[in-house]
N, C-alpha and C. Protein backbone atom coordinates (compact mmCIF):
# COMPACT_ATOMS: atom_id res chain seq x y z
N MET A 1 0.86 -1.21 -0.02
CA MET A 1 -0.06 -0.01 -0.03
C MET A 1 0.79 1.30 0.01
N LEU A 2 1.80 1.44 1.01
CA LEU A 2 2.52 2.41 0.90
C LEU A 2 3.55 2.79 -0.44
N GLY A 3 4.08 1.50 -0.69
CA GLY A 3 4.71 1.49 -2.03
C GLY A 3 3.93 2.36 -3.26
N ASN A 4 2.73 1.92 -3.44
CA ASN A 4 1.73 2.53 -4.16
C ASN A 4 1.67 3.95 -3.99
N VAL A 5 1.80 4.50 -2.94
CA VAL A 5 1.70 6.07 -2.59
C VAL A 5 2.72 6.57 -3.23
N LEU A 6 4.16 5.98 -2.83
CA LEU A 6 5.23 6.37 -3.45
C LEU A 6 5.41 6.27 -4.90
N ALA A 7 4.87 5.37 -5.65
CA ALA A 7 5.04 5.22 -6.96
C ALA A 7 4.02 6.21 -7.44
N GLY A 8 2.88 6.38 -6.79
CA GLY A 8 1.90 7.26 -7.36
C GLY A 8 2.34 8.65 -7.26
N GLU A 9 3.05 8.97 -6.23
CA GLU A 9 3.64 10.51 -6.21
C GLU A 9 4.65 10.71 -7.03
N PHE A 10 5.54 9.62 -7.48
CA PHE A 10 6.55 9.69 -8.30
C PHE A 10 5.94 9.86 -9.90
N ARG A 11 5.04 9.12 -9.95
CA ARG A 11 4.41 9.35 -11.34
C ARG A 11 3.67 10.67 -11.64
N SER A 12 2.84 10.94 -10.67
CA SER A 12 2.32 12.27 -10.49
C SER A 12 3.21 13.58 -10.88
N ASP A 13 4.32 13.21 -10.22
CA ASP A 13 5.33 14.49 -10.43
C ASP A 13 6.12 14.57 -11.81
N LEU A 14 6.12 13.70 -12.54
CA LEU A 14 6.92 13.63 -13.66
C LEU A 14 6.39 14.68 -14.71
N ASN A 15 7.25 15.29 -15.51
CA ASN A 15 6.75 16.42 -16.53
C ASN A 15 7.10 15.77 -17.84
N CYS A 16 6.82 14.23 -17.79
CA CYS A 16 6.82 13.68 -19.15
C CYS A 16 5.99 12.46 -19.16
N ALA A 17 5.74 11.80 -20.27
CA ALA A 17 5.15 10.53 -20.02
C ALA A 17 5.85 9.37 -19.55
N PRO A 18 5.41 8.57 -18.53
CA PRO A 18 6.23 7.56 -17.71
C PRO A 18 6.38 6.58 -18.73
N THR A 19 7.68 6.31 -18.91
CA THR A 19 8.11 5.25 -19.92
C THR A 19 8.54 3.74 -19.31
N GLY A 20 8.38 3.83 -17.97
CA GLY A 20 8.77 2.59 -17.10
C GLY A 20 8.13 2.98 -15.61
N GLY A 21 8.57 2.17 -14.76
CA GLY A 21 8.22 2.54 -13.43
C GLY A 21 8.19 1.27 -12.65
N PRO A 22 7.70 1.47 -11.34
CA PRO A 22 7.93 0.36 -10.45
C PRO A 22 7.08 -0.70 -10.93
N ARG A 23 7.72 -2.01 -10.71
CA ARG A 23 6.65 -3.12 -10.99
C ARG A 23 5.63 -3.44 -9.78
N ARG A 24 4.41 -3.73 -10.41
CA ARG A 24 3.33 -4.26 -9.41
C ARG A 24 2.93 -3.10 -8.96
N ARG A 25 2.98 -1.64 -9.43
CA ARG A 25 2.34 -0.58 -8.68
C ARG A 25 1.63 0.24 -9.70
N SER A 26 0.44 0.65 -9.63
CA SER A 26 -0.21 1.43 -10.39
C SER A 26 -0.23 2.98 -10.32
N GLY A 27 -0.55 3.97 -11.04
CA GLY A 27 -0.45 5.10 -10.75
C GLY A 27 -1.83 5.52 -10.44
N THR A 28 -1.90 6.91 -10.00
CA THR A 28 -3.41 7.35 -9.54
C THR A 28 -4.08 7.38 -10.91
N LYS A 29 -5.39 7.48 -10.87
CA LYS A 29 -6.21 7.53 -12.02
C LYS A 29 -7.16 8.90 -12.00
N THR A 30 -7.26 9.44 -10.97
CA THR A 30 -8.02 11.02 -10.98
C THR A 30 -7.22 11.92 -10.46
N LYS A 31 -7.63 13.13 -10.51
CA LYS A 31 -6.89 14.19 -9.98
C LYS A 31 -7.20 14.13 -8.54
N ASP A 32 -8.26 13.81 -7.97
CA ASP A 32 -8.53 13.69 -6.33
C ASP A 32 -7.80 12.77 -5.90
N GLU A 33 -7.55 11.47 -6.49
CA GLU A 33 -6.49 10.52 -6.34
C GLU A 33 -5.05 10.97 -6.32
N GLU A 34 -4.61 11.76 -7.23
CA GLU A 34 -3.29 12.14 -7.35
C GLU A 34 -2.93 13.35 -6.01
N THR A 35 -4.33 14.15 -5.72
CA THR A 35 -4.00 15.19 -4.74
C THR A 35 -3.95 14.33 -3.42
N ALA A 36 -4.65 13.27 -3.01
CA ALA A 36 -4.64 12.55 -1.94
C ALA A 36 -3.23 11.92 -1.73
N VAL A 37 -2.78 11.34 -2.82
CA VAL A 37 -1.48 10.46 -2.68
C VAL A 37 -0.37 11.50 -2.43
N GLY A 38 -0.22 12.81 -2.97
CA GLY A 38 0.43 13.64 -2.69
C GLY A 38 0.68 14.31 -1.32
N GLU A 39 -0.65 14.43 -0.75
CA GLU A 39 -0.58 15.04 0.80
C GLU A 39 -0.31 13.87 1.54
N PHE A 40 -0.62 12.57 1.27
CA PHE A 40 -0.26 11.42 2.09
C PHE A 40 1.22 11.51 2.21
N ALA A 41 1.93 11.49 0.94
CA ALA A 41 3.38 11.26 0.95
C ALA A 41 3.89 12.53 1.69
N ARG A 42 3.44 13.69 1.45
CA ARG A 42 4.01 14.84 1.98
C ARG A 42 4.03 14.54 3.53
N ARG A 43 2.77 14.13 4.32
CA ARG A 43 2.45 13.96 5.64
C ARG A 43 3.57 12.84 6.01
N LEU A 44 3.87 11.89 5.39
CA LEU A 44 4.79 10.86 5.55
C LEU A 44 6.21 11.34 5.80
N ARG A 45 6.40 12.14 4.91
CA ARG A 45 7.95 12.70 5.05
C ARG A 45 7.98 13.90 5.89
N ALA A 46 7.02 14.46 6.33
CA ALA A 46 6.95 15.61 7.45
C ALA A 46 7.11 14.76 8.75
N ASN A 47 6.17 13.73 9.08
CA ASN A 47 6.09 13.25 10.47
C ASN A 47 6.84 11.95 10.68
N PHE A 48 7.49 11.23 9.59
CA PHE A 48 8.08 10.10 9.68
C PHE A 48 9.50 9.82 8.78
N SER A 49 9.97 10.88 8.92
CA SER A 49 11.03 11.13 8.09
C SER A 49 12.19 9.77 7.87
N GLU A 50 12.39 9.45 9.16
CA GLU A 50 13.48 8.32 9.24
C GLU A 50 12.83 6.97 8.47
N VAL A 51 11.48 6.77 8.61
CA VAL A 51 10.64 5.74 8.11
C VAL A 51 10.70 5.72 6.75
N TYR A 52 10.23 7.02 6.44
CA TYR A 52 9.88 7.45 5.04
C TYR A 52 11.25 6.95 4.06
N SER A 53 12.46 7.53 4.52
CA SER A 53 13.59 7.17 3.95
C SER A 53 13.77 5.76 3.58
N GLU A 54 13.51 5.15 4.61
CA GLU A 54 13.85 3.34 4.57
C GLU A 54 12.93 2.90 3.67
N MET A 55 11.52 3.40 3.82
CA MET A 55 10.62 2.80 2.89
C MET A 55 10.82 3.09 1.55
N ALA A 56 11.39 4.30 1.14
CA ALA A 56 11.54 4.72 -0.17
C ALA A 56 12.78 4.19 -0.78
N ASP A 57 13.60 3.76 0.09
CA ASP A 57 14.72 2.85 -0.47
C ASP A 57 14.31 1.57 -0.74
N ARG A 58 13.58 0.94 0.35
CA ARG A 58 13.02 -0.44 -0.37
C ARG A 58 12.26 -0.49 -1.44
N VAL A 59 11.41 0.46 -1.71
CA VAL A 59 10.57 0.47 -2.93
C VAL A 59 11.50 0.76 -4.02
N GLU A 60 12.57 1.72 -3.91
CA GLU A 60 13.21 1.75 -5.01
C GLU A 60 13.99 0.45 -5.53
N ALA A 61 14.55 -0.17 -4.61
CA ALA A 61 15.40 -1.45 -4.67
C ALA A 61 14.28 -2.52 -5.38
N ASP A 62 13.09 -2.46 -4.97
CA ASP A 62 12.10 -3.42 -5.40
C ASP A 62 11.75 -3.03 -6.92
N SER A 63 12.08 -1.78 -7.58
CA SER A 63 11.30 -1.25 -8.54
C SER A 63 12.31 -1.25 -9.83
N VAL A 64 11.83 -1.15 -11.11
CA VAL A 64 12.59 -0.69 -12.07
C VAL A 64 12.01 0.44 -12.57
N PHE A 65 12.84 1.39 -12.57
CA PHE A 65 12.50 2.70 -13.09
C PHE A 65 13.28 3.41 -14.34
N ALA A 66 12.57 4.02 -15.37
CA ALA A 66 13.08 4.71 -16.42
C ALA A 66 13.43 5.96 -16.14
N THR A 67 14.71 6.47 -16.11
CA THR A 67 15.04 7.66 -15.71
C THR A 67 15.07 8.74 -16.95
N PRO A 68 14.09 9.69 -16.57
CA PRO A 68 14.08 10.70 -17.91
C PRO A 68 15.54 11.21 -18.04
N ASN A 69 15.82 11.74 -19.07
CA ASN A 69 17.25 12.20 -19.83
C ASN A 69 17.57 13.51 -18.84
N THR A 70 16.50 14.36 -18.46
CA THR A 70 17.03 15.57 -17.74
C THR A 70 16.04 15.52 -16.37
N PRO A 71 16.71 16.20 -15.43
CA PRO A 71 16.03 16.35 -14.17
C PRO A 71 14.80 17.18 -14.36
N ASP A 72 14.64 17.86 -15.23
CA ASP A 72 13.56 18.62 -15.13
C ASP A 72 12.08 17.86 -15.45
N ALA A 73 12.24 16.75 -16.19
CA ALA A 73 11.51 15.98 -16.27
C ALA A 73 10.98 15.23 -15.22
N LEU A 74 11.67 15.17 -14.12
CA LEU A 74 11.31 14.56 -12.95
C LEU A 74 10.36 15.33 -11.96
N GLY A 75 10.19 16.60 -12.12
CA GLY A 75 9.49 17.32 -11.44
C GLY A 75 10.01 17.61 -10.12
N SER A 76 9.06 17.25 -8.93
CA SER A 76 9.84 17.44 -7.47
C SER A 76 10.67 16.45 -7.29
N ILE A 77 11.69 16.77 -6.83
CA ILE A 77 12.91 15.67 -6.56
C ILE A 77 12.76 15.13 -4.82
N ASP A 78 11.77 14.54 -4.75
CA ASP A 78 11.74 14.36 -3.12
C ASP A 78 10.98 12.87 -2.83
N THR A 79 11.07 11.78 -3.80
CA THR A 79 10.60 10.62 -3.34
C THR A 79 11.61 9.50 -3.45
N PHE A 80 12.39 9.45 -4.45
CA PHE A 80 13.45 8.28 -4.48
C PHE A 80 14.98 9.02 -4.52
N ARG A 81 15.94 8.21 -4.01
CA ARG A 81 17.34 8.74 -4.15
C ARG A 81 17.98 8.80 -5.64
N PHE A 82 17.26 7.84 -6.38
CA PHE A 82 17.94 7.94 -7.74
C PHE A 82 17.53 9.40 -8.42
N GLU A 83 16.47 9.86 -8.02
CA GLU A 83 16.16 11.36 -8.37
C GLU A 83 17.22 12.39 -8.06
N GLU A 84 17.84 12.27 -6.99
CA GLU A 84 18.99 13.02 -6.60
C GLU A 84 20.12 12.61 -7.45
N ARG A 85 20.31 11.28 -7.54
CA ARG A 85 21.64 11.14 -8.39
C ARG A 85 21.25 11.60 -9.72
N THR A 86 20.36 11.69 -10.45
CA THR A 86 20.09 12.18 -11.90
C THR A 86 20.32 13.80 -11.79
N LEU A 87 19.97 14.20 -10.78
CA LEU A 87 20.06 15.85 -10.84
C LEU A 87 21.50 15.94 -10.58
N LEU A 88 22.35 15.44 -9.53
CA LEU A 88 23.69 15.57 -9.46
C LEU A 88 24.55 15.29 -10.71
N ALA A 89 23.97 14.17 -11.28
CA ALA A 89 24.81 13.47 -12.64
C ALA A 89 24.64 14.74 -13.61
N HIS A 90 23.47 15.09 -13.71
CA HIS A 90 23.12 16.22 -14.90
C HIS A 90 24.05 17.50 -14.71
N ALA A 91 23.98 17.97 -13.21
CA ALA A 91 24.74 19.07 -12.93
C ALA A 91 26.30 19.09 -13.10
N VAL A 92 26.92 17.81 -12.82
CA VAL A 92 28.25 17.58 -13.17
C VAL A 92 28.64 17.73 -14.57
N ILE A 93 27.78 16.82 -15.41
CA ILE A 93 27.92 17.10 -16.84
C ILE A 93 27.65 18.22 -17.50
N SER A 94 26.87 19.17 -17.03
CA SER A 94 26.56 20.54 -17.40
C SER A 94 27.90 21.47 -17.19
N SER A 95 28.35 21.31 -16.13
CA SER A 95 29.43 22.04 -15.42
C SER A 95 30.62 21.85 -16.34
N GLN A 96 30.96 20.72 -16.95
CA GLN A 96 32.01 20.33 -17.79
C GLN A 96 32.25 21.13 -19.04
C-alpha cells in the first residue's frame, strides 16, 4: 500500500510520459487520487522522515524505473534517491 503511494507520487510529479516504473504498482487515476496521494506522501515525509527514507529505499530497490534524460522531467525531486543522483549527474555534466 505505501509503495503504491510512493509510486503514485513519483508518477504524478513527472513532467513527461512515464516510460517505465515500479513493478506491480499502479499510478493514480483521477486528480482527486493524485492530490490525496501527494498529501499522504508529504505527511509521511514530514512526520516520519526516518521511516519514509527507509521505505522509499525499499520501494526503489524493488522497482525498475526508467530515468528521464533531464532532471526537469522528474518534477519534484522528493521521493527516491535516484532522482537526486540524476540531478547531480546532470549538474556535473553541465558544468564540464
